[in-house]
Amino acid sequence: MSRCTGHLITGSSFKVGLRREGGLAMDDSNPTVPLAFDLAWLAVIVLWLGLVAIAWVSILRSNQARRGSAFWWCLLVLLLPISGALIWFVARPRDSGTNQRTSS
């Protein structure tokens, strides 16, 4: 595997610096690309934490909290963050109608 650093590829009117590390060429001329990746990962992490927090609040507010299975649901959401929360939102027990409004 070849490792080159500091080689410049020159064109007719511009210079682009390419650095090869581990077989991947990285463009040093645009410093905002790593920033964009960092911001994208930050957005994913914030959405993930929000989904887990909403799932935990939903679990603890449900009737499952009184039956003792809330611990196992919270553990599932913690161990399988995205899929565990989605499983909770799909498979959670529905209210038995105590909070339904009646029209009169």
Protein backbone atom coordinates (compact mmCIF):
# COMPACT_ATOMS: atom_id res chain seq x y z
CA MET A 1 0.00 0.00 0.00
CA SER A 2 1.48 3.32 -0.95
CA ARG A 3 1.53 6.24 1.45
CA CYS A 4 2.12 9.66 -0.07
CA THR A 5 1.93 12.90 1.79
CA GLY A 6 2.41 16.37 0.53
CA HIS A 7 2.15 15.66 -3.21
CA LEU A 8 0.48 18.39 -5.21
CA ILE A 9 -1.52 17.85 -8.34
CA THR A 10 -1.39 20.99 -10.42
CA GLY A 11 -3.89 21.94 -13.05
CA SER A 12 -3.91 24.76 -15.55
CA SER A 13 -5.02 27.44 -13.08
CA PHE A 14 -5.46 25.80 -9.69
CA LYS A 15 -3.70 23.58 -7.19
CA VAL A 16 -5.41 20.84 -5.26
CA GLY A 17 -3.57 19.13 -2.44
CA LEU A 18 -4.31 15.43 -2.06
CA ARG A 19 -3.02 13.42 0.84
CA ARG A 20 -3.21 9.64 0.78
CA GLU A 21 -3.64 7.88 4.10
CA GLY A 22 -4.56 4.25 4.35
CA GLY A 23 -5.40 4.07 0.66
CA LEU A 24 -7.93 6.92 0.79
CA ALA A 25 -7.24 10.25 -0.82
CA MET A 26 -8.28 13.16 1.36
CA ASP A 27 -8.83 16.64 -0.05
CA ASP A 28 -7.09 19.26 2.08
CA SER A 29 -8.48 22.18 0.11
CA ASN A 30 -11.98 22.09 1.68
CA PRO A 31 -11.88 22.24 5.49
CA THR A 32 -15.68 22.33 5.79
CA VAL A 33 -16.13 18.70 4.73
CA PRO A 34 -14.97 17.29 8.10
CA LEU A 35 -17.12 19.91 9.81
CA ALA A 36 -20.16 18.75 7.84
CA PHE A 37 -19.53 15.15 8.88
CA ASP A 38 -19.16 16.20 12.51
CA LEU A 39 -22.41 18.16 12.37
CA ALA A 40 -24.22 15.25 10.73
CA TRP A 41 -23.05 12.87 13.47
CA LEU A 42 -24.03 15.41 16.12
CA ALA A 43 -27.54 15.59 14.63
CA VAL A 44 -27.80 11.78 14.62
CA ILE A 45 -26.70 11.58 18.26
CA VAL A 46 -29.13 14.30 19.36
CA LEU A 47 -32.02 12.57 17.54
CA TRP A 48 -31.00 9.23 19.06
CA LEU A 49 -30.92 10.67 22.59
CA GLY A 50 -34.27 12.35 22.00
CA LEU A 51 -35.83 9.10 20.80
CA VAL A 52 -34.50 7.21 23.84
CA ALA A 53 -35.68 9.93 26.24
CA ILE A 54 -39.17 10.01 24.69
CA ALA A 55 -39.36 6.20 24.86
CA TRP A 56 -38.32 6.18 28.54
CA VAL A 57 -40.88 8.85 29.44
CA SER A 58 -43.55 6.93 27.55
CA ILE A 59 -42.60 3.69 29.30
CA LEU A 60 -42.61 5.24 32.76
CA ARG A 61 -45.95 6.99 32.16
CA SER A 62 -47.64 3.85 30.91
CA ASN A 63 -49.44 1.28 33.00
CA GLN A 64 -46.40 -0.96 32.60
CA ALA A 65 -44.62 1.10 35.28
CA ARG A 66 -47.01 -0.21 37.91
CA ARG A 67 -46.62 -3.82 36.85
CA GLY A 68 -42.83 -3.84 37.11
CA SER A 69 -42.10 -4.53 33.46
CA ALA A 70 -41.01 -0.94 32.89
CA PHE A 71 -37.52 -1.91 34.06
CA TRP A 72 -37.25 -4.52 31.30
CA TRP A 73 -38.57 -2.13 28.66
CA CYS A 74 -36.12 0.58 29.74
CA LEU A 75 -33.31 -1.98 29.67
CA LEU A 76 -34.33 -3.04 26.15
CA VAL A 77 -34.36 0.59 24.98
CA LEU A 78 -30.95 1.12 26.59
CA LEU A 79 -29.35 -1.98 25.05
CA LEU A 80 -30.97 -1.58 21.61
CA PRO A 81 -31.39 2.18 21.41
CA ILE A 82 -33.08 2.71 18.06
CA SER A 83 -34.71 -0.65 17.49
CA GLY A 84 -35.69 -1.00 21.17
CA ALA A 85 -37.47 2.36 21.13
CA LEU A 86 -39.19 1.52 17.85
CA ILE A 87 -40.27 -1.86 19.26
CA TRP A 88 -41.75 -0.05 22.27
CA PHE A 89 -43.68 2.42 20.12
CA VAL A 90 -45.08 -0.39 17.95
CA ALA A 91 -45.70 -3.10 20.55
CA ARG A 92 -46.57 -1.07 23.63
CA PRO A 93 -49.84 -1.90 25.29
CA ARG A 94 -52.58 0.54 24.42
CA ASP A 95 -54.69 2.26 27.05
CA SER A 96 -57.86 0.42 27.86
CA GLY A 97 -59.97 3.48 27.13
CA THR A 98 -59.84 5.21 30.50
CA ASN A 99 -58.53 8.44 28.98
CA GLN A 100 -60.88 8.52 26.00
CA ARG A 101 -63.20 11.48 25.69
CA THR A 102 -66.90 10.84 25.42
CA SER A 103 -69.04 13.11 23.31
CA SER A 104 -72.31 14.17 24.84
